[in-house]
């Protein structure tokens, strides 16, 4: 279902929440996941995924490290994923 979301940013947010197991509830979570791996999951190359993650990090919603992506604000990501 998440892969049917046309907007790339919304699709990335939805897949991150799904992978973290906090699509409907939950707080901060760190996943061992590279940008390339996430790109494969959302059907985008690493570069657009990196740009989306950088934007989400600038908003304070995620944190990216070496082969890790942390969700800092699951509520904000859920709103984005749901189109709000």
N, C-alpha and C. Protein backbone atom coordinates (compact mmCIF):
# COMPACT_ATOMS: atom_id res chain seq x y z
N UNK A 1 0.82 -1.19 0.00
CA UNK A 1 0.00 0.00 0.00
C UNK A 1 0.86 1.25 0.00
N UNK A 2 1.93 1.31 0.83
CA UNK A 2 2.79 2.48 0.90
C UNK A 2 3.45 2.78 -0.44
N UNK A 3 3.76 1.75 -1.21
CA UNK A 3 4.42 1.97 -2.49
C UNK A 3 3.50 2.57 -3.54
N UNK A 4 2.22 2.62 -3.27
CA UNK A 4 1.27 3.22 -4.19
C UNK A 4 1.16 4.73 -4.00
N UNK A 5 1.79 5.27 -2.98
CA UNK A 5 1.78 6.71 -2.73
C UNK A 5 2.64 7.37 -3.82
N UNK A 6 2.06 8.27 -4.57
CA UNK A 6 2.76 8.89 -5.70
C UNK A 6 3.82 9.89 -5.27
N UNK A 7 3.56 10.67 -4.24
CA UNK A 7 4.50 11.67 -3.77
C UNK A 7 5.69 10.99 -3.09
N UNK A 8 6.89 11.24 -3.59
CA UNK A 8 8.09 10.56 -3.09
C UNK A 8 8.35 10.82 -1.61
N UNK A 9 8.19 12.06 -1.17
CA UNK A 9 8.44 12.38 0.24
C UNK A 9 7.45 11.65 1.15
N UNK A 10 6.20 11.65 0.78
CA UNK A 10 5.18 10.93 1.56
C UNK A 10 5.49 9.43 1.57
N UNK A 11 5.90 8.88 0.41
CA UNK A 11 6.21 7.45 0.31
C UNK A 11 7.39 7.08 1.20
N UNK A 12 8.44 7.92 1.21
CA UNK A 12 9.59 7.67 2.09
C UNK A 12 9.16 7.68 3.55
N UNK A 13 8.36 8.66 3.94
CA UNK A 13 7.89 8.74 5.33
C UNK A 13 7.09 7.50 5.70
N UNK A 14 6.20 7.07 4.82
CA UNK A 14 5.37 5.90 5.12
C UNK A 14 6.20 4.64 5.25
N UNK A 15 7.17 4.46 4.38
CA UNK A 15 8.01 3.25 4.44
C UNK A 15 8.91 3.29 5.67
N UNK A 16 9.44 4.45 6.01
CA UNK A 16 10.24 4.55 7.24
C UNK A 16 9.42 4.14 8.46
N UNK A 17 8.22 4.65 8.55
CA UNK A 17 7.35 4.29 9.68
C UNK A 17 7.04 2.80 9.69
N UNK A 18 6.78 2.25 8.53
CA UNK A 18 6.50 0.82 8.43
C UNK A 18 7.70 -0.01 8.87
N UNK A 19 8.88 0.34 8.38
CA UNK A 19 10.10 -0.40 8.73
C UNK A 19 10.43 -0.29 10.21
N UNK A 20 10.09 0.84 10.81
CA UNK A 20 10.35 1.04 12.24
C UNK A 20 9.29 0.40 13.12
N UNK A 21 8.20 -0.05 12.49
CA UNK A 21 7.13 -0.66 13.26
C UNK A 21 6.32 0.36 14.06
N UNK A 22 6.34 1.61 13.61
CA UNK A 22 5.60 2.63 14.36
C UNK A 22 4.70 3.43 13.42
N UNK A 23 4.05 2.72 12.51
CA UNK A 23 3.18 3.38 11.54
C UNK A 23 1.98 4.02 12.23
N UNK A 24 1.52 3.44 13.32
CA UNK A 24 0.34 3.98 13.99
C UNK A 24 0.63 4.53 15.38
N UNK A 25 1.75 4.15 15.98
CA UNK A 25 2.10 4.65 17.31
C UNK A 25 3.59 4.41 17.54
N UNK A 26 4.15 5.12 18.45
CA UNK A 26 5.54 4.89 18.82
C UNK A 26 6.34 6.18 18.80
N UNK A 27 7.48 6.14 19.46
CA UNK A 27 8.32 7.32 19.56
C UNK A 27 9.58 7.17 18.75
N UNK A 28 10.70 7.59 19.33
CA UNK A 28 11.97 7.57 18.63
C UNK A 28 12.46 6.14 18.42
N UNK A 29 12.92 5.87 17.20
CA UNK A 29 13.41 4.55 16.82
C UNK A 29 14.60 4.75 15.90
N UNK A 30 15.66 3.95 16.08
CA UNK A 30 16.79 3.96 15.16
C UNK A 30 16.85 2.62 14.45
N UNK A 31 16.97 2.69 13.12
CA UNK A 31 17.01 1.47 12.31
C UNK A 31 18.36 1.37 11.63
N UNK A 32 18.85 0.16 11.48
CA UNK A 32 20.06 -0.10 10.70
C UNK A 32 19.62 -0.25 9.26
N UNK A 33 19.69 0.86 8.53
CA UNK A 33 19.16 0.93 7.18
C UNK A 33 19.94 2.00 6.42
N UNK A 34 20.49 1.62 5.27
CA UNK A 34 21.21 2.61 4.47
C UNK A 34 20.25 3.36 3.56
N UNK A 35 20.71 4.49 3.04
CA UNK A 35 19.90 5.25 2.11
C UNK A 35 19.65 4.45 0.83
N UNK A 36 20.64 3.67 0.41
CA UNK A 36 20.47 2.84 -0.78
C UNK A 36 19.41 1.77 -0.54
N UNK A 37 19.43 1.16 0.65
CA UNK A 37 18.41 0.15 0.99
C UNK A 37 17.02 0.77 0.99
N UNK A 38 16.90 1.95 1.60
CA UNK A 38 15.62 2.64 1.63
C UNK A 38 15.18 2.99 0.21
N UNK A 39 16.13 3.42 -0.61
CA UNK A 39 15.81 3.74 -1.99
C UNK A 39 15.21 2.56 -2.74
N UNK A 40 15.76 1.38 -2.53
CA UNK A 40 15.21 0.18 -3.15
C UNK A 40 13.79 -0.08 -2.67
N UNK A 41 13.55 0.17 -1.40
CA UNK A 41 12.23 -0.08 -0.83
C UNK A 41 11.17 0.87 -1.38
N UNK A 42 11.58 2.10 -1.69
CA UNK A 42 10.61 3.11 -2.14
C UNK A 42 10.68 3.37 -3.65
N UNK A 43 11.51 2.57 -4.34
CA UNK A 43 11.64 2.66 -5.79
C UNK A 43 12.20 4.02 -6.24
N UNK A 44 13.24 4.48 -5.53
CA UNK A 44 13.96 5.69 -5.89
C UNK A 44 15.45 5.40 -5.78
N UNK A 45 16.27 6.19 -6.47
CA UNK A 45 17.71 6.03 -6.30
C UNK A 45 18.15 6.66 -4.99
N UNK A 46 19.38 6.40 -4.61
CA UNK A 46 19.90 6.88 -3.34
C UNK A 46 19.92 8.41 -3.27
N UNK A 47 20.18 9.07 -4.38
CA UNK A 47 20.31 10.53 -4.36
C UNK A 47 19.00 11.25 -4.01
N UNK A 48 17.88 10.92 -4.65
CA UNK A 48 16.62 11.56 -4.22
C UNK A 48 16.25 11.20 -2.78
N UNK A 49 16.52 9.97 -2.38
CA UNK A 49 16.23 9.56 -1.00
C UNK A 49 17.08 10.38 -0.04
N UNK A 50 18.35 10.58 -0.39
CA UNK A 50 19.23 11.38 0.46
C UNK A 50 18.73 12.81 0.60
N UNK A 51 18.24 13.38 -0.49
CA UNK A 51 17.71 14.75 -0.44
C UNK A 51 16.46 14.82 0.43
N UNK A 52 15.59 13.83 0.30
CA UNK A 52 14.37 13.78 1.13
C UNK A 52 14.74 13.63 2.60
N UNK A 53 15.67 12.72 2.89
CA UNK A 53 16.09 12.52 4.28
C UNK A 53 16.75 13.77 4.85
N UNK A 54 17.53 14.47 4.03
CA UNK A 54 18.17 15.71 4.49
C UNK A 54 17.10 16.75 4.85
N UNK A 55 16.06 16.84 4.04
CA UNK A 55 14.97 17.77 4.33
C UNK A 55 14.25 17.37 5.61
N UNK A 56 13.98 16.08 5.77
CA UNK A 56 13.31 15.61 6.99
C UNK A 56 14.19 15.83 8.21
N UNK A 57 15.51 15.68 8.05
CA UNK A 57 16.44 15.93 9.16
C UNK A 57 16.47 17.42 9.51
N UNK A 58 16.41 18.30 8.49
CA UNK A 58 16.38 19.74 8.75
C UNK A 58 15.14 20.12 9.55
N UNK A 59 14.06 19.39 9.36
CA UNK A 59 12.82 19.65 10.11
C UNK A 59 12.88 19.05 11.52
N UNK A 60 13.91 18.22 11.79
CA UNK A 60 14.06 17.59 13.10
C UNK A 60 13.25 16.32 13.26
N UNK A 61 12.81 15.74 12.15
CA UNK A 61 11.95 14.55 12.20
C UNK A 61 12.74 13.26 12.15
N UNK A 62 13.91 13.27 11.50
CA UNK A 62 14.76 12.09 11.41
C UNK A 62 16.20 12.50 11.67
N UNK A 63 17.03 11.51 11.96
CA UNK A 63 18.47 11.71 12.09
C UNK A 63 19.15 10.61 11.29
N UNK A 64 20.13 10.97 10.49
CA UNK A 64 20.81 10.00 9.65
C UNK A 64 22.26 9.85 10.09
N UNK A 65 22.71 8.62 10.11
CA UNK A 65 24.09 8.31 10.43
C UNK A 65 24.59 7.28 9.44
N UNK A 66 25.75 6.71 9.72
CA UNK A 66 26.31 5.70 8.83
C UNK A 66 25.44 4.45 8.87
N UNK A 67 24.74 4.19 7.78
CA UNK A 67 23.85 3.03 7.63
C UNK A 67 22.77 2.97 8.71
N UNK A 68 22.42 4.14 9.25
CA UNK A 68 21.32 4.20 10.22
C UNK A 68 20.41 5.38 9.89
N UNK A 69 19.14 5.19 10.18
CA UNK A 69 18.16 6.26 10.07
C UNK A 69 17.33 6.22 11.34
N UNK A 70 17.28 7.33 12.03
CA UNK A 70 16.51 7.41 13.26
C UNK A 70 15.27 8.25 13.07
N UNK A 71 14.17 7.77 13.58
CA UNK A 71 12.93 8.54 13.58
C UNK A 71 12.86 9.29 14.90
N UNK A 72 12.84 10.61 14.83
CA UNK A 72 12.80 11.44 16.03
C UNK A 72 11.39 11.95 16.32
N UNK A 73 10.62 12.17 15.28
CA UNK A 73 9.26 12.68 15.45
C UNK A 73 8.30 11.85 14.59
N UNK A 74 7.88 10.73 15.14
CA UNK A 74 6.98 9.84 14.42
C UNK A 74 5.64 10.47 14.10
N UNK A 75 5.15 11.34 14.98
CA UNK A 75 3.87 11.99 14.73
C UNK A 75 3.94 12.87 13.48
N UNK A 76 5.03 13.63 13.33
CA UNK A 76 5.18 14.48 12.15
C UNK A 76 5.30 13.64 10.89
N UNK A 77 6.03 12.54 10.96
CA UNK A 77 6.16 11.65 9.79
C UNK A 77 4.81 11.02 9.44
N UNK A 78 4.02 10.67 10.44
CA UNK A 78 2.69 10.10 10.18
C UNK A 78 1.80 11.12 9.49
N UNK A 79 1.86 12.36 9.94
CA UNK A 79 1.06 13.41 9.28
C UNK A 79 1.49 13.57 7.83
N UNK A 80 2.79 13.58 7.58
CA UNK A 80 3.30 13.70 6.22
C UNK A 80 2.86 12.50 5.38
N UNK A 81 3.05 11.31 5.91
CA UNK A 81 2.70 10.09 5.17
C UNK A 81 1.21 10.03 4.82
N UNK A 82 0.40 10.59 5.70
CA UNK A 82 -1.05 10.59 5.48
C UNK A 82 -1.54 11.78 4.67
N UNK A 83 -0.59 12.61 4.20
CA UNK A 83 -0.96 13.73 3.34
C UNK A 83 -1.36 14.99 4.07
N UNK A 84 -1.07 15.03 5.37
CA UNK A 84 -1.50 16.19 6.15
C UNK A 84 -0.45 17.16 6.51
